[in-house]
Structure formats: C-alpha cells, structure tokens
Amino acid sequence: MSDRRLAVDAWESLFRAQHEIFDEVKRDFAGSDLLQAEYDVLLTVVRGPEQTARLRDITANMLISQPSVSRLVDKMVTRGLVTKCSDPDDGRGALISATEHGARTFRAVAVQHGKRIADRMAVLSADELAALYALTEKLRGRG
C-alpha cells in the first residue's frame, strides 16, 4: 500500500471511528437538561479557575463559529446555566461563569458521559490510549 493510500485509509478510519463513538456517546444527552453543545461550554467553564472562562477560550474549544458560541452562551444565560460579564482585562471580551444550577446540571451529565467514554475506550490498553492521545495531538499541531 502506498503512503498516500495508507494516509487516506488511516484518515477514513479515524473519521469513521470518531463518528461512530460520537453517535454512541451523544445518547448521554437524551432526556438531559443539557444539549451537547451546552455541555461543551460548561466543560470549559467548570474546568476554569472559579468555574469561569473567557468567551474566546470557550470558542477555541468548540467546533462552531464565534457568533454561534455567543448565541449559545446568551441562551444559557437565559436558562440560568451561566452568567456573562465584561472581561476587565479585555474590553471586547466576556467572562462566562457557571451558576450553581449550571455546574450541578453539568456534573449530573458528566458522570454518565465520562463513564460511557471510558467504557468505549476500554478496548484500548493504557499504552494504546497514550499513543492515541499523542498521535491526535500531533495531528492537531500540538505534539
């Protein structure tokens, strides 16, 4: 098999694996009070210092455009999941903080979601998981 063919086959396999796993784990949000995109926002926010993150950091972690993230965050503010205020260090930016309700709702989904991901990834050994992580970081230009 040529290097080009192997690259295309590897890409196709990576894409299909991601798609199949994504379809499986998105079931964690069925019947939940959170949409998957809201979970992704809260994941960044809850991990931040004092459960706060800059809007630009949330956008960097999402796979949707900045205007879409801003609209999503505004809807989450309305739902009482997060608060939004001006960033004192960046006049054009905003700080997003998890409310108590938002953090509690996030944690309720995160437990099951993390378990499902761990169960799905359990087909790989610790060494394989480390290799997968290193390879995907390298593909993302981080390794």
C-alpha atoms as a PDB file:
ATOM      1  CA  MET A   1       0.000   0.000   0.000  1.00  0.00           C
ATOM      2  CA  SER A   2       1.379   3.416  -0.931  1.00  0.00           C
ATOM      3  CA  ASP A   3       1.994   6.063   1.714  1.00  0.00           C
ATOM      4  CA  ARG A   4      -0.759   8.164   0.168  1.00  0.00           C
ATOM      5  CA  ARG A   5      -3.232   5.282   0.227  1.00  0.00           C
ATOM      6  CA  LEU A   6      -2.305   4.456   3.822  1.00  0.00           C
ATOM      7  CA  ALA A   7      -2.774   8.111   4.795  1.00  0.00           C
ATOM      8  CA  VAL A   8      -6.229   8.185   3.200  1.00  0.00           C
ATOM      9  CA  ASP A   9      -7.201   4.833   4.785  1.00  0.00           C
ATOM     10  CA  ALA A  10      -5.972   5.981   8.207  1.00  0.00           C
ATOM     11  CA  TRP A  11      -7.863   9.261   7.872  1.00  0.00           C
ATOM     12  CA  GLU A  12     -11.040   7.456   6.833  1.00  0.00           C
ATOM     13  CA  SER A  13     -10.755   5.046   9.747  1.00  0.00           C
ATOM     14  CA  LEU A  14     -10.133   7.882  12.226  1.00  0.00           C
ATOM     15  CA  PHE A  15     -13.096   9.829  10.867  1.00  0.00           C
ATOM     16  CA  ARG A  16     -15.432   6.811  10.990  1.00  0.00           C
ATOM     17  CA  ALA A  17     -14.312   5.802  14.493  1.00  0.00           C
ATOM     18  CA  GLN A  18     -14.908   9.335  15.750  1.00  0.00           C
ATOM     19  CA  HIS A  19     -18.326   9.459  14.101  1.00  0.00           C
ATOM     20  CA  GLU A  20     -19.417   6.068  15.489  1.00  0.00           C
ATOM     21  CA  ILE A  21     -18.210   6.863  19.005  1.00  0.00           C
ATOM     22  CA  PHE A  22     -19.828  10.306  18.841  1.00  0.00           C
ATOM     23  CA  ASP A  23     -23.156   8.738  17.883  1.00  0.00           C
ATOM     24  CA  GLU A  24     -22.888   6.392  20.850  1.00  0.00           C
ATOM     25  CA  VAL A  25     -21.953   8.958  23.495  1.00  0.00           C
ATOM     26  CA  LYS A  26     -24.470  11.571  22.363  1.00  0.00           C
ATOM     27  CA  ARG A  27     -27.126   9.309  23.905  1.00  0.00           C
ATOM     28  CA  ASP A  28     -25.971  10.695  27.253  1.00  0.00           C
ATOM     29  CA  PHE A  29     -27.830  13.885  26.391  1.00  0.00           C
ATOM     30  CA  ALA A  30     -31.171  12.288  25.521  1.00  0.00           C
ATOM     31  CA  GLY A  31     -33.584  13.238  28.282  1.00  0.00           C
ATOM     32  CA  SER A  32     -30.972  15.525  29.850  1.00  0.00           C
ATOM     33  CA  ASP A  33     -31.478  19.160  30.739  1.00  0.00           C
ATOM     34  CA  LEU A  34     -28.381  19.955  28.646  1.00  0.00           C
ATOM     35  CA  LEU A  35     -27.751  19.977  24.947  1.00  0.00           C
ATOM     36  CA  GLN A  36     -24.386  18.550  23.965  1.00  0.00           C
ATOM     37  CA  ALA A  37     -23.165  22.000  22.877  1.00  0.00           C
ATOM     38  CA  GLU A  38     -24.163  23.418  26.278  1.00  0.00           C
ATOM     39  CA  TYR A  39     -22.240  20.599  27.941  1.00  0.00           C
ATOM     40  CA  ASP A  40     -19.184  21.551  25.874  1.00  0.00           C
ATOM     41  CA  VAL A  41     -19.456  25.180  27.031  1.00  0.00           C
ATOM     42  CA  LEU A  42     -19.830  24.123  30.657  1.00  0.00           C
ATOM     43  CA  LEU A  43     -16.898  21.702  30.338  1.00  0.00           C
ATOM     44  CA  THR A  44     -14.575  24.618  29.589  1.00  0.00           C
ATOM     45  CA  VAL A  45     -16.188  26.905  32.165  1.00  0.00           C
ATOM     46  CA  VAL A  46     -16.290  24.402  35.048  1.00  0.00           C
ATOM     47  CA  ARG A  47     -12.627  23.496  34.486  1.00  0.00           C
ATOM     48  CA  GLY A  48     -11.596  27.153  34.672  1.00  0.00           C
ATOM     49  CA  PRO A  49     -10.464  28.989  37.793  1.00  0.00           C
ATOM     50  CA  GLU A  50     -13.510  29.700  39.946  1.00  0.00           C
ATOM     51  CA  GLN A  51     -15.624  27.959  37.271  1.00  0.00           C
ATOM     52  CA  THR A  52     -15.033  30.873  34.899  1.00  0.00           C
ATOM     53  CA  ALA A  53     -13.621  31.083  31.376  1.00  0.00           C
ATOM     54  CA  ARG A  54     -13.174  33.749  28.753  1.00  0.00           C
ATOM     55  CA  LEU A  55     -15.614  33.591  25.871  1.00  0.00           C
ATOM     56  CA  ARG A  56     -12.687  33.371  23.431  1.00  0.00           C
ATOM     57  CA  ASP A  57     -11.373  30.263  25.269  1.00  0.00           C
ATOM     58  CA  ILE A  58     -14.777  28.626  25.053  1.00  0.00           C
ATOM     59  CA  THR A  59     -14.905  29.430  21.334  1.00  0.00           C
ATOM     60  CA  ALA A  60     -11.420  27.940  20.831  1.00  0.00           C
ATOM     61  CA  ASN A  61     -12.615  24.646  22.352  1.00  0.00           C
ATOM     62  CA  MET A  62     -15.815  24.438  20.335  1.00  0.00           C
ATOM     63  CA  LEU A  63     -16.289  23.274  16.771  1.00  0.00           C
ATOM     64  CA  ILE A  64     -18.710  26.067  15.901  1.00  0.00           C
ATOM     65  CA  SER A  65     -18.207  29.712  14.928  1.00  0.00           C
ATOM     66  CA  GLN A  66     -17.724  32.551  17.406  1.00  0.00           C
ATOM     67  CA  PRO A  67     -21.162  34.075  16.656  1.00  0.00           C
ATOM     68  CA  SER A  68     -22.779  30.674  17.230  1.00  0.00           C
ATOM     69  CA  VAL A  69     -20.955  30.294  20.548  1.00  0.00           C
ATOM     70  CA  SER A  70     -22.056  33.791  21.593  1.00  0.00           C
ATOM     71  CA  ARG A  71     -25.707  32.995  20.779  1.00  0.00           C
ATOM     72  CA  LEU A  72     -25.457  29.671  22.632  1.00  0.00           C
ATOM     73  CA  VAL A  73     -23.958  31.354  25.706  1.00  0.00           C
ATOM     74  CA  ASP A  74     -26.689  34.007  25.653  1.00  0.00           C
ATOM     75  CA  LYS A  75     -29.335  31.244  25.621  1.00  0.00           C
ATOM     76  CA  MET A  76     -27.518  29.552  28.511  1.00  0.00           C
ATOM     77  CA  VAL A  77     -27.600  32.832  30.455  1.00  0.00           C
ATOM     78  CA  THR A  78     -31.374  32.962  29.903  1.00  0.00           C
ATOM     79  CA  ARG A  79     -31.671  29.364  31.129  1.00  0.00           C
ATOM     80  CA  GLY A  80     -29.689  30.181  34.283  1.00  0.00           C
ATOM     81  CA  LEU A  81     -26.779  27.851  33.453  1.00  0.00           C
ATOM     82  CA  VAL A  82     -24.108  30.569  33.232  1.00  0.00           C
ATOM     83  CA  THR A  83     -23.585  34.259  33.855  1.00  0.00           C
ATOM     84  CA  LYS A  84     -21.828  36.633  31.484  1.00  0.00           C
ATOM     85  CA  CYS A  85     -19.993  39.844  32.291  1.00  0.00           C
ATOM     86  CA  SER A  86     -17.375  42.075  30.709  1.00  0.00           C
ATOM     87  CA  ASP A  87     -13.781  40.896  30.942  1.00  0.00           C
ATOM     88  CA  PRO A  88     -11.882  43.558  32.917  1.00  0.00           C
ATOM     89  CA  ASP A  89      -8.654  42.527  31.134  1.00  0.00           C
ATOM     90  CA  ASP A  90     -10.159  42.657  27.625  1.00  0.00           C
ATOM     91  CA  GLY A  91     -12.647  45.408  26.842  1.00  0.00           C
ATOM     92  CA  ARG A  92     -14.117  43.467  23.910  1.00  0.00           C
ATOM     93  CA  GLY A  93     -14.216  40.136  25.728  1.00  0.00           C
ATOM     94  CA  ALA A  94     -16.564  38.490  28.170  1.00  0.00           C
ATOM     95  CA  LEU A  95     -16.185  36.229  31.178  1.00  0.00           C
ATOM     96  CA  ILE A  96     -18.553  33.300  31.460  1.00  0.00           C
ATOM     97  CA  SER A  97     -19.167  31.699  34.858  1.00  0.00           C
ATOM     98  CA  ALA A  98     -21.127  28.598  35.748  1.00  0.00           C
ATOM     99  CA  THR A  99     -24.058  29.187  38.041  1.00  0.00           C
ATOM    100  CA  GLU A 100     -24.680  26.697  40.824  1.00  0.00           C
ATOM    101  CA  HIS A 101     -27.531  25.281  38.738  1.00  0.00           C
ATOM    102  CA  GLY A 102     -25.281  25.073  35.657  1.00  0.00           C
ATOM    103  CA  ALA A 103     -22.455  23.313  37.496  1.00  0.00           C
ATOM    104  CA  ARG A 104     -24.894  20.864  39.119  1.00  0.00           C
ATOM    105  CA  THR A 105     -26.581  20.120  35.782  1.00  0.00           C
ATOM    106  CA  PHE A 106     -23.184  19.659  34.125  1.00  0.00           C
ATOM    107  CA  ARG A 107     -21.988  17.246  36.822  1.00  0.00           C
ATOM    108  CA  ALA A 108     -25.170  15.173  36.545  1.00  0.00           C
ATOM    109  CA  VAL A 109     -24.469  14.541  32.851  1.00  0.00           C
ATOM    110  CA  ALA A 110     -20.660  14.424  33.176  1.00  0.00           C
ATOM    111  CA  VAL A 111     -20.697  11.346  35.410  1.00  0.00           C
ATOM    112  CA  GLN A 112     -22.589   9.215  32.891  1.00  0.00           C
ATOM    113  CA  HIS A 113     -20.866  10.787  29.890  1.00  0.00           C
ATOM    114  CA  GLY A 114     -17.385  10.168  31.318  1.00  0.00           C
ATOM    115  CA  LYS A 115     -18.308   6.585  32.179  1.00  0.00           C
ATOM    116  CA  ARG A 116     -19.617   5.905  28.667  1.00  0.00           C
ATOM    117  CA  ILE A 117     -16.466   7.346  27.097  1.00  0.00           C
ATOM    118  CA  ALA A 118     -14.224   5.333  29.442  1.00  0.00           C
ATOM    119  CA  ASP A 119     -16.196   2.152  28.730  1.00  0.00           C
ATOM    120  CA  ARG A 120     -15.953   2.710  24.965  1.00  0.00           C
ATOM    121  CA  MET A 121     -12.226   3.451  25.151  1.00  0.00           C
ATOM    122  CA  ALA A 122     -11.583   0.420  27.406  1.00  0.00           C
ATOM    123  CA  VAL A 123     -10.920  -1.675  24.295  1.00  0.00           C
ATOM    124  CA  LEU A 124      -7.530   0.095  24.245  1.00  0.00           C
ATOM    125  CA  SER A 125      -4.707  -0.546  26.697  1.00  0.00           C
ATOM    126  CA  ALA A 126      -3.186   2.306  28.694  1.00  0.00           C
ATOM    127  CA  ASP A 127      -0.237   2.344  26.265  1.00  0.00           C
ATOM    128  CA  GLU A 128      -2.593   2.465  23.276  1.00  0.00           C
ATOM    129  CA  LEU A 129      -4.586   5.303  24.838  1.00  0.00           C
ATOM    130  CA  ALA A 130      -1.364   7.237  25.449  1.00  0.00           C
ATOM    131  CA  ALA A 131      -0.273   6.606  21.858  1.00  0.00           C
ATOM    132  CA  LEU A 132      -3.681   7.660  20.517  1.00  0.00           C
ATOM    133  CA  TYR A 133      -3.566  10.845  22.562  1.00  0.00           C
ATOM    134  CA  ALA A 134      -0.029  11.638  21.370  1.00  0.00           C
ATOM    135  CA  LEU A 135      -0.943  10.958  17.749  1.00  0.00           C
ATOM    136  CA  THR A 136      -4.097  13.069  17.779  1.00  0.00           C
ATOM    137  CA  GLU A 137      -2.260  15.935  19.484  1.00  0.00           C
ATOM    138  CA  LYS A 138       0.420  15.672  16.781  1.00  0.00           C
ATOM    139  CA  LEU A 139      -2.253  15.788  14.064  1.00  0.00           C
ATOM    140  CA  ARG A 140      -3.662  18.904  15.723  1.00  0.00           C
ATOM    141  CA  GLY A 141      -0.209  20.543  15.583  1.00  0.00           C
ATOM    142  CA  ARG A 142       0.301  20.335  19.331  1.00  0.00           C
ATOM    143  CA  GLY A 143       2.742  17.448  19.567  1.00  0.00           C
END
